[in-house]
Amino acid sequence: MQPTHENGLPKQRHNILILNGPNLNMLGIREPDVYGFKNLSAIALECGEYAGELGCTVDFRQSNHEGELVTIIQEARGACAGVIINGGAYAHTSIALLDALKILEVPIIEVHITNTFKRESFRHHSYISEVARGVICGFGGHGYILALDAMRALLEE
């Protein structure tokens, strides 16, 4: 059942892009002692179910290719109400992702599975953070759920 306003009219369903960068397709396999055992498909399923409870939809994507990520971001302009992005290693290196995100006129939330500030020093800076309304890091796959809660709050402002 679609959520409704007090006046009984249906609330708009917000579409949220959840975008994942390189190597995140290897979650559950890649360094499970660092990233955990949950794979990206399980996270996508949880996000889709939780977004439905919030009255939103998600477009959950992953690419290992910087140019493809840029294209997805460009195509999101006008098609989504907000972006949740885990840029993976590109968060720390990609000015191209930063420039693409700058064209969006929607809230952006950055997610990292690990606490990047407890890791190598090169992970302490993120280009994505420059345009993000907030950053969630260190909570594993649950960080995406926290980001959906935060996005809902931003969209209801």
N, C-alpha and C. Protein backbone atom coordinates (compact mmCIF):
# COMPACT_ATOMS: atom_id res chain seq x y z
N MET A 1 0.84 -1.17 0.00
CA MET A 1 0.00 0.00 0.00
C MET A 1 0.88 1.24 0.00
N GLN A 2 0.58 2.17 -0.88
CA GLN A 2 1.38 3.39 -1.01
C GLN A 2 1.06 4.34 0.14
N PRO A 3 2.10 4.95 0.77
CA PRO A 3 1.87 5.90 1.85
C PRO A 3 1.05 7.09 1.36
N THR A 4 0.26 7.68 2.27
CA THR A 4 -0.56 8.82 1.91
C THR A 4 -0.31 10.00 2.83
N HIS A 5 -0.61 11.20 2.33
CA HIS A 5 -0.57 12.41 3.14
C HIS A 5 -1.79 12.42 4.05
N GLU A 6 -1.82 13.37 4.98
CA GLU A 6 -2.97 13.51 5.87
C GLU A 6 -4.25 13.74 5.09
N ASN A 7 -4.15 14.40 3.92
CA ASN A 7 -5.34 14.69 3.11
C ASN A 7 -5.81 13.48 2.30
N GLY A 8 -5.13 12.35 2.46
CA GLY A 8 -5.53 11.13 1.77
C GLY A 8 -4.94 10.94 0.40
N LEU A 9 -4.28 11.97 -0.14
CA LEU A 9 -3.66 11.83 -1.45
C LEU A 9 -2.36 11.03 -1.34
N PRO A 10 -2.02 10.26 -2.36
CA PRO A 10 -0.79 9.46 -2.27
C PRO A 10 0.45 10.34 -2.22
N LYS A 11 1.43 9.92 -1.40
CA LYS A 11 2.72 10.59 -1.38
C LYS A 11 3.50 10.16 -2.62
N GLN A 12 4.36 11.06 -3.09
CA GLN A 12 5.22 10.72 -4.22
C GLN A 12 6.23 9.67 -3.78
N ARG A 13 6.40 8.64 -4.61
CA ARG A 13 7.42 7.63 -4.34
C ARG A 13 8.74 8.14 -4.89
N HIS A 14 9.71 8.28 -4.02
CA HIS A 14 11.02 8.76 -4.43
C HIS A 14 11.88 7.61 -4.93
N ASN A 15 12.53 7.81 -6.06
CA ASN A 15 13.46 6.83 -6.59
C ASN A 15 14.87 7.25 -6.16
N ILE A 16 15.58 6.35 -5.50
CA ILE A 16 16.92 6.61 -5.00
C ILE A 16 17.91 5.77 -5.78
N LEU A 17 18.93 6.41 -6.34
CA LEU A 17 20.01 5.68 -6.99
C LEU A 17 21.02 5.29 -5.93
N ILE A 18 21.34 4.00 -5.86
CA ILE A 18 22.41 3.51 -5.00
C ILE A 18 23.49 2.98 -5.92
N LEU A 19 24.62 3.69 -5.93
CA LEU A 19 25.67 3.41 -6.89
C LEU A 19 26.93 2.92 -6.18
N ASN A 20 27.51 1.86 -6.70
CA ASN A 20 28.67 1.22 -6.11
C ASN A 20 29.81 1.13 -7.10
N GLY A 21 31.01 1.44 -6.63
CA GLY A 21 32.19 1.46 -7.47
C GLY A 21 32.93 0.15 -7.53
N PRO A 22 34.21 0.23 -7.90
CA PRO A 22 35.00 -0.96 -8.21
C PRO A 22 35.20 -1.89 -7.02
N ASN A 23 35.20 -3.16 -7.34
CA ASN A 23 35.46 -4.28 -6.43
C ASN A 23 34.35 -4.55 -5.44
N LEU A 24 33.32 -3.72 -5.40
CA LEU A 24 32.24 -3.99 -4.46
C LEU A 24 31.42 -5.20 -4.89
N ASN A 25 31.52 -5.58 -6.15
CA ASN A 25 30.90 -6.82 -6.61
C ASN A 25 31.57 -8.05 -6.00
N MET A 26 32.71 -7.85 -5.36
CA MET A 26 33.46 -8.96 -4.75
C MET A 26 33.24 -9.05 -3.24
N LEU A 27 32.30 -8.27 -2.72
CA LEU A 27 32.00 -8.36 -1.28
C LEU A 27 31.64 -9.80 -0.93
N GLY A 28 32.06 -10.22 0.23
CA GLY A 28 31.82 -11.59 0.67
C GLY A 28 32.98 -12.51 0.31
N ILE A 29 33.74 -12.10 -0.70
CA ILE A 29 34.90 -12.87 -1.15
C ILE A 29 36.18 -12.10 -0.85
N ARG A 30 36.16 -10.82 -1.18
CA ARG A 30 37.34 -9.96 -1.03
C ARG A 30 37.56 -9.59 0.44
N GLU A 31 38.66 -9.98 1.00
CA GLU A 31 39.05 -9.61 2.36
C GLU A 31 37.87 -9.60 3.34
N PRO A 32 37.26 -10.77 3.56
CA PRO A 32 36.09 -10.80 4.45
C PRO A 32 36.40 -10.33 5.87
N ASP A 33 37.66 -10.42 6.29
CA ASP A 33 38.03 -9.92 7.62
C ASP A 33 37.93 -8.40 7.68
N VAL A 34 37.99 -7.74 6.53
CA VAL A 34 37.87 -6.28 6.46
C VAL A 34 36.45 -5.87 6.07
N TYR A 35 35.89 -6.53 5.03
CA TYR A 35 34.62 -6.11 4.46
C TYR A 35 33.42 -6.96 4.87
N GLY A 36 33.65 -8.05 5.57
CA GLY A 36 32.57 -8.91 5.99
C GLY A 36 32.23 -9.98 4.96
N PHE A 37 31.24 -10.78 5.28
CA PHE A 37 30.87 -11.92 4.45
C PHE A 37 29.61 -11.67 3.61
N LYS A 38 28.93 -10.55 3.84
CA LYS A 38 27.70 -10.26 3.09
C LYS A 38 28.07 -9.79 1.69
N ASN A 39 27.41 -10.36 0.67
CA ASN A 39 27.72 -9.95 -0.70
C ASN A 39 26.82 -8.79 -1.13
N LEU A 40 27.18 -8.18 -2.26
CA LEU A 40 26.46 -6.99 -2.72
C LEU A 40 25.02 -7.31 -3.10
N SER A 41 24.77 -8.50 -3.60
CA SER A 41 23.38 -8.89 -3.94
C SER A 41 22.50 -8.91 -2.70
N ALA A 42 23.03 -9.39 -1.58
CA ALA A 42 22.27 -9.40 -0.32
C ALA A 42 22.00 -7.98 0.15
N ILE A 43 22.98 -7.11 0.02
CA ILE A 43 22.80 -5.71 0.40
C ILE A 43 21.74 -5.06 -0.50
N ALA A 44 21.80 -5.34 -1.79
CA ALA A 44 20.82 -4.79 -2.73
C ALA A 44 19.41 -5.23 -2.38
N LEU A 45 19.26 -6.50 -2.05
CA LEU A 45 17.94 -7.02 -1.66
C LEU A 45 17.43 -6.34 -0.41
N GLU A 46 18.28 -6.21 0.61
CA GLU A 46 17.88 -5.54 1.85
C GLU A 46 17.49 -4.09 1.58
N CYS A 47 18.25 -3.41 0.73
CA CYS A 47 17.94 -2.02 0.41
C CYS A 47 16.61 -1.89 -0.31
N GLY A 48 16.36 -2.78 -1.25
CA GLY A 48 15.08 -2.75 -1.97
C GLY A 48 13.90 -2.97 -1.05
N GLU A 49 14.03 -3.93 -0.15
CA GLU A 49 12.94 -4.21 0.80
C GLU A 49 12.73 -3.04 1.75
N TYR A 50 13.82 -2.50 2.28
CA TYR A 50 13.70 -1.40 3.23
C TYR A 50 13.18 -0.13 2.56
N ALA A 51 13.64 0.13 1.35
CA ALA A 51 13.14 1.30 0.62
C ALA A 51 11.63 1.19 0.41
N GLY A 52 11.15 -0.01 0.11
CA GLY A 52 9.71 -0.21 -0.04
C GLY A 52 8.96 0.14 1.23
N GLU A 53 9.53 -0.23 2.39
CA GLU A 53 8.91 0.12 3.67
C GLU A 53 8.88 1.64 3.88
N LEU A 54 9.86 2.33 3.31
CA LEU A 54 9.93 3.79 3.43
C LEU A 54 9.08 4.50 2.38
N GLY A 55 8.51 3.74 1.46
CA GLY A 55 7.73 4.34 0.38
C GLY A 55 8.59 4.83 -0.77
N CYS A 56 9.79 4.28 -0.91
CA CYS A 56 10.72 4.66 -1.97
C CYS A 56 11.02 3.46 -2.86
N THR A 57 11.64 3.73 -3.97
CA THR A 57 12.20 2.67 -4.81
C THR A 57 13.70 2.92 -4.92
N VAL A 58 14.44 1.87 -5.23
CA VAL A 58 15.88 2.03 -5.43
C VAL A 58 16.29 1.47 -6.78
N ASP A 59 17.27 2.12 -7.34
CA ASP A 59 17.95 1.66 -8.54
C ASP A 59 19.36 1.35 -8.06
N PHE A 60 19.66 0.08 -7.80
CA PHE A 60 20.90 -0.36 -7.18
C PHE A 60 21.85 -0.83 -8.27
N ARG A 61 23.01 -0.17 -8.40
CA ARG A 61 23.93 -0.51 -9.48
C ARG A 61 25.38 -0.58 -9.00
N GLN A 62 26.20 -1.27 -9.78
CA GLN A 62 27.63 -1.39 -9.50
C GLN A 62 28.38 -1.45 -10.81
N SER A 63 29.54 -0.80 -10.84
CA SER A 63 30.43 -0.92 -11.99
C SER A 63 31.88 -0.82 -11.52
N ASN A 64 32.74 -1.52 -12.22
CA ASN A 64 34.17 -1.43 -11.99
C ASN A 64 34.81 -0.36 -12.88
N HIS A 65 34.01 0.29 -13.72
CA HIS A 65 34.53 1.22 -14.72
C HIS A 65 34.14 2.65 -14.40
N GLU A 66 35.13 3.50 -14.26
CA GLU A 66 34.90 4.89 -13.88
C GLU A 66 33.98 5.60 -14.88
N GLY A 67 34.22 5.43 -16.16
CA GLY A 67 33.39 6.09 -17.17
C GLY A 67 31.94 5.64 -17.11
N GLU A 68 31.71 4.37 -16.84
CA GLU A 68 30.34 3.88 -16.72
C GLU A 68 29.65 4.50 -15.50
N LEU A 69 30.37 4.63 -14.40
CA LEU A 69 29.81 5.28 -13.21
C LEU A 69 29.44 6.73 -13.52
N VAL A 70 30.29 7.42 -14.25
CA VAL A 70 30.01 8.81 -14.64
C VAL A 70 28.74 8.86 -15.50
N THR A 71 28.61 7.96 -16.45
CA THR A 71 27.42 7.93 -17.30
C THR A 71 26.16 7.66 -16.48
N ILE A 72 26.22 6.73 -15.55
CA ILE A 72 25.06 6.44 -14.70
C ILE A 72 24.67 7.68 -13.91
N ILE A 73 25.64 8.39 -13.37
CA ILE A 73 25.35 9.61 -12.62
C ILE A 73 24.71 10.65 -13.53
N GLN A 74 25.24 10.83 -14.72
CA GLN A 74 24.67 11.80 -15.66
C GLN A 74 23.23 11.44 -16.00
N GLU A 75 22.96 10.17 -16.21
CA GLU A 75 21.61 9.72 -16.55
C GLU A 75 20.65 9.85 -15.37
N ALA A 76 21.18 9.92 -14.15
CA ALA A 76 20.33 10.05 -12.96
C ALA A 76 19.75 11.46 -12.83
N ARG A 77 20.36 12.43 -13.51
CA ARG A 77 19.88 13.80 -13.41
C ARG A 77 18.43 13.86 -13.91
N GLY A 78 17.55 14.27 -13.03
CA GLY A 78 16.13 14.36 -13.36
C GLY A 78 15.38 13.05 -13.21
N ALA A 79 16.09 11.96 -12.96
CA ALA A 79 15.44 10.65 -12.88
C ALA A 79 15.41 10.09 -11.46
N CYS A 80 16.11 10.74 -10.52
CA CYS A 80 16.10 10.24 -9.16
C CYS A 80 16.00 11.41 -8.18
N ALA A 81 15.54 11.09 -7.00
CA ALA A 81 15.36 12.11 -5.96
C ALA A 81 16.59 12.26 -5.09
N GLY A 82 17.50 11.28 -5.13
CA GLY A 82 18.71 11.32 -4.33
C GLY A 82 19.65 10.22 -4.75
N VAL A 83 20.92 10.37 -4.35
CA VAL A 83 21.95 9.39 -4.69
C VAL A 83 22.68 8.97 -3.42
N ILE A 84 22.79 7.67 -3.25
CA ILE A 84 23.65 7.08 -2.23
C ILE A 84 24.78 6.41 -2.99
N ILE A 85 26.02 6.80 -2.67
CA ILE A 85 27.14 6.31 -3.45
C ILE A 85 28.26 5.78 -2.58
N ASN A 86 28.69 4.58 -2.91
CA ASN A 86 29.92 4.00 -2.37
C ASN A 86 30.86 3.92 -3.56
N GLY A 87 31.72 4.91 -3.66
CA GLY A 87 32.62 4.98 -4.80
C GLY A 87 33.78 4.02 -4.74
N GLY A 88 33.88 3.26 -3.63
CA GLY A 88 35.03 2.37 -3.49
C GLY A 88 36.31 3.18 -3.61
N ALA A 89 37.31 2.62 -4.24
CA ALA A 89 38.60 3.29 -4.38
C ALA A 89 38.48 4.59 -5.18
N TYR A 90 37.49 4.68 -6.07
CA TYR A 90 37.33 5.91 -6.85
C TYR A 90 36.96 7.11 -5.97
N ALA A 91 36.43 6.87 -4.80
CA ALA A 91 36.13 7.99 -3.89
C ALA A 91 37.40 8.77 -3.59
N HIS A 92 38.52 8.09 -3.56
CA HIS A 92 39.79 8.70 -3.17
C HIS A 92 40.62 9.19 -4.36
N THR A 93 40.16 8.90 -5.57
CA THR A 93 40.99 9.21 -6.74
C THR A 93 40.27 9.94 -7.86
N SER A 94 38.94 9.90 -7.90
CA SER A 94 38.25 10.30 -9.13
C SER A 94 37.64 11.71 -9.08
N ILE A 95 38.32 12.60 -9.77
CA ILE A 95 37.76 13.93 -9.97
C ILE A 95 36.61 13.84 -10.98
N ALA A 96 36.65 12.86 -11.86
CA ALA A 96 35.57 12.66 -12.82
C ALA A 96 34.25 12.36 -12.11
N LEU A 97 34.27 11.52 -11.08
CA LEU A 97 33.05 11.25 -10.31
C LEU A 97 32.59 12.52 -9.60
N LEU A 98 33.52 13.26 -9.01
CA LEU A 98 33.17 14.52 -8.36
C LEU A 98 32.48 15.46 -9.34
N ASP A 99 33.06 15.65 -10.51
CA ASP A 99 32.47 16.55 -11.50
C ASP A 99 31.08 16.10 -11.93
N ALA A 100 30.89 14.79 -12.11
CA ALA A 100 29.58 14.27 -12.50
C ALA A 100 28.56 14.51 -11.39
N LEU A 101 28.95 14.25 -10.15
CA LEU A 101 28.03 14.44 -9.02
C LEU A 101 27.64 15.90 -8.86
N LYS A 102 28.53 16.82 -9.23
CA LYS A 102 28.23 18.25 -9.12
C LYS A 102 27.07 18.69 -9.99
N ILE A 103 26.77 17.94 -11.06
CA ILE A 103 25.66 18.35 -11.94
C ILE A 103 24.30 17.96 -11.37
N LEU A 104 24.31 17.10 -10.37
CA LEU A 104 23.04 16.67 -9.78
C LEU A 104 22.50 17.75 -8.86
N GLU A 105 21.21 17.86 -8.84
CA GLU A 105 20.55 18.84 -7.96
C GLU A 105 19.71 18.11 -6.92
N VAL A 106 20.27 17.02 -6.42
CA VAL A 106 19.59 16.18 -5.43
C VAL A 106 20.57 15.89 -4.29
N PRO A 107 20.06 15.47 -3.14
CA PRO A 107 20.97 15.11 -2.04
C PRO A 107 21.82 13.90 -2.41
N ILE A 108 23.07 13.94 -1.95
CA ILE A 108 24.03 12.85 -2.15
C ILE A 108 24.53 12.42 -0.78
N ILE A 109 24.52 11.12 -0.54
CA ILE A 109 25.06 10.56 0.70
C ILE A 109 26.14 9.56 0.31
N GLU A 110 27.30 9.71 0.94
CA GLU A 110 28.42 8.81 0.68
C GLU A 110 28.43 7.70 1.72
N VAL A 111 28.67 6.48 1.27
CA VAL A 111 28.72 5.31 2.16
C VAL A 111 30.05 4.58 1.94
N HIS A 112 30.63 4.13 3.03
CA HIS A 112 31.76 3.20 2.97
C HIS A 112 31.51 2.09 3.97
N ILE A 113 31.79 0.89 3.59
CA ILE A 113 31.55 -0.27 4.44
C ILE A 113 32.48 -0.26 5.65
N THR A 114 33.72 0.15 5.43
CA THR A 114 34.69 0.21 6.52
C THR A 114 34.83 1.65 7.00
N ASN A 115 35.45 1.81 8.16
CA ASN A 115 35.78 3.14 8.65
C ASN A 115 37.08 3.54 7.95
N THR A 116 36.95 4.36 6.92
CA THR A 116 38.12 4.72 6.11
C THR A 116 39.17 5.48 6.91
N PHE A 117 38.78 6.08 8.02
CA PHE A 117 39.74 6.84 8.83
C PHE A 117 40.59 5.95 9.73
N LYS A 118 40.25 4.67 9.79
CA LYS A 118 41.06 3.70 10.55
C LYS A 118 41.93 2.87 9.61
N ARG A 119 41.98 3.29 8.36
CA ARG A 119 42.74 2.53 7.35
C ARG A 119 43.90 3.35 6.82
N GLU A 120 44.43 2.98 5.69
CA GLU A 120 45.57 3.67 5.11
C GLU A 120 45.27 5.15 4.92
N SER A 121 46.30 5.98 5.05
CA SER A 121 46.11 7.43 5.00
C SER A 121 45.52 7.91 3.67
N PHE A 122 45.81 7.22 2.57
CA PHE A 122 45.25 7.66 1.29
C PHE A 122 43.73 7.53 1.25
N ARG A 123 43.15 6.72 2.15
CA ARG A 123 41.69 6.57 2.21
C ARG A 123 41.03 7.65 3.06
N HIS A 124 41.80 8.52 3.67
CA HIS A 124 41.24 9.54 4.56
C HIS A 124 40.63 10.71 3.79
N HIS A 125 40.96 10.86 2.53
CA HIS A 125 40.36 11.93 1.72
C HIS A 125 39.43 11.31 0.67
N SER A 126 38.27 11.92 0.51
CA SER A 126 37.32 11.48 -0.51
C SER A 126 36.87 12.68 -1.32
N TYR A 127 36.97 12.57 -2.63
CA TYR A 127 36.44 13.62 -3.50
C TYR A 127 34.92 13.68 -3.42
N ILE A 128 34.28 12.54 -3.22
CA ILE A 128 32.82 12.49 -3.13
C ILE A 128 32.32 13.29 -1.93
N SER A 129 33.08 13.28 -0.84
CA SER A 129 32.68 14.01 0.37
C SER A 129 32.48 15.50 0.11
N GLU A 130 33.15 16.02 -0.91
CA GLU A 130 33.04 17.44 -1.22
C GLU A 130 31.63 17.83 -1.66
N VAL A 131 30.85 16.88 -2.17
CA VAL A 131 29.49 17.19 -2.62
C VAL A 131 28.42 16.45 -1.82
N ALA A 132 28.84 15.59 -0.92
CA ALA A 132 27.88 14.79 -0.14
C ALA A 132 27.30 15.61 1.01
N ARG A 133 26.01 15.40 1.28
CA ARG A 133 25.38 16.01 2.45
C ARG A 133 25.90 15.36 3.72
N GLY A 134 26.30 14.10 3.63
CA GLY A 134 26.83 13.38 4.78
C GLY A 134 27.56 12.13 4.35
N VAL A 135 28.31 11.58 5.28
CA VAL A 135 29.10 10.37 5.03
C VAL A 135 28.80 9.36 6.13
N ILE A 136 28.55 8.12 5.73
CA ILE A 136 28.33 7.03 6.67
C ILE A 136 29.41 6.00 6.41
N CYS A 137 30.24 5.71 7.40
CA CYS A 137 31.29 4.74 7.19
C CYS A 137 31.50 3.89 8.44
N GLY A 138 31.91 2.64 8.21
CA GLY A 138 32.28 1.77 9.31
C GLY A 138 31.19 0.86 9.83
N PHE A 139 30.02 0.85 9.20
CA PHE A 139 28.91 0.03 9.69
C PHE A 139 28.59 -1.16 8.79
N GLY A 140 29.54 -1.52 7.94
CA GLY A 140 29.32 -2.65 7.05
C GLY A 140 28.15 -2.38 6.11
N GLY A 141 27.50 -3.45 5.69
CA GLY A 141 26.35 -3.33 4.80
C GLY A 141 25.20 -2.55 5.40
N HIS A 142 25.12 -2.49 6.72
CA HIS A 142 24.05 -1.75 7.38
C HIS A 142 24.15 -0.25 7.09
N GLY A 143 25.32 0.21 6.68
CA GLY A 143 25.48 1.62 6.32
C GLY A 143 24.53 2.06 5.22
N TYR A 144 24.19 1.16 4.31
CA TYR A 144 23.25 1.50 3.24
C TYR A 144 21.85 1.75 3.80
N ILE A 145 21.46 0.97 4.80
CA ILE A 145 20.16 1.16 5.45
C ILE A 145 20.15 2.50 6.18
N LEU A 146 21.24 2.80 6.89
CA LEU A 146 21.36 4.09 7.56
C LEU A 146 21.28 5.23 6.55
N ALA A 147 21.89 5.04 5.39
CA ALA A 147 21.84 6.07 4.35
C ALA A 147 20.43 6.25 3.81
N LEU A 148 19.68 5.16 3.67
CA LEU A 148 18.29 5.28 3.22
C LEU A 148 17.46 6.06 4.23
N ASP A 149 17.67 5.81 5.52
CA ASP A 149 16.97 6.59 6.55
C ASP A 149 17.32 8.07 6.44
N ALA A 150 18.61 8.35 6.29
CA ALA A 150 19.05 9.74 6.17
C ALA A 150 18.48 10.39 4.91
N MET A 151 18.46 9.66 3.81
CA MET A 151 17.93 10.20 2.56
C MET A 151 16.45 10.52 2.70
N ARG A 152 15.71 9.63 3.33
CA ARG A 152 14.27 9.89 3.53
C ARG A 152 14.08 11.18 4.30
N ALA A 153 14.87 11.36 5.36
CA ALA A 153 14.77 12.58 6.17
C ALA A 153 15.10 13.81 5.33
N LEU A 154 16.13 13.73 4.50
CA LEU A 154 16.48 14.86 3.64
C LEU A 154 15.38 15.18 2.65
N LEU A 155 14.76 14.17 2.09
CA LEU A 155 13.71 14.37 1.10
C LEU A 155 12.41 14.89 1.71
N GLU A 156 12.24 14.65 2.99
CA GLU A 156 11.02 15.13 3.67
C GLU A 156 11.18 16.55 4.20
N GLU A 157 12.41 17.10 4.14
CA GLU A 157 12.64 18.48 4.62
C GLU A 157 11.84 19.46 3.79
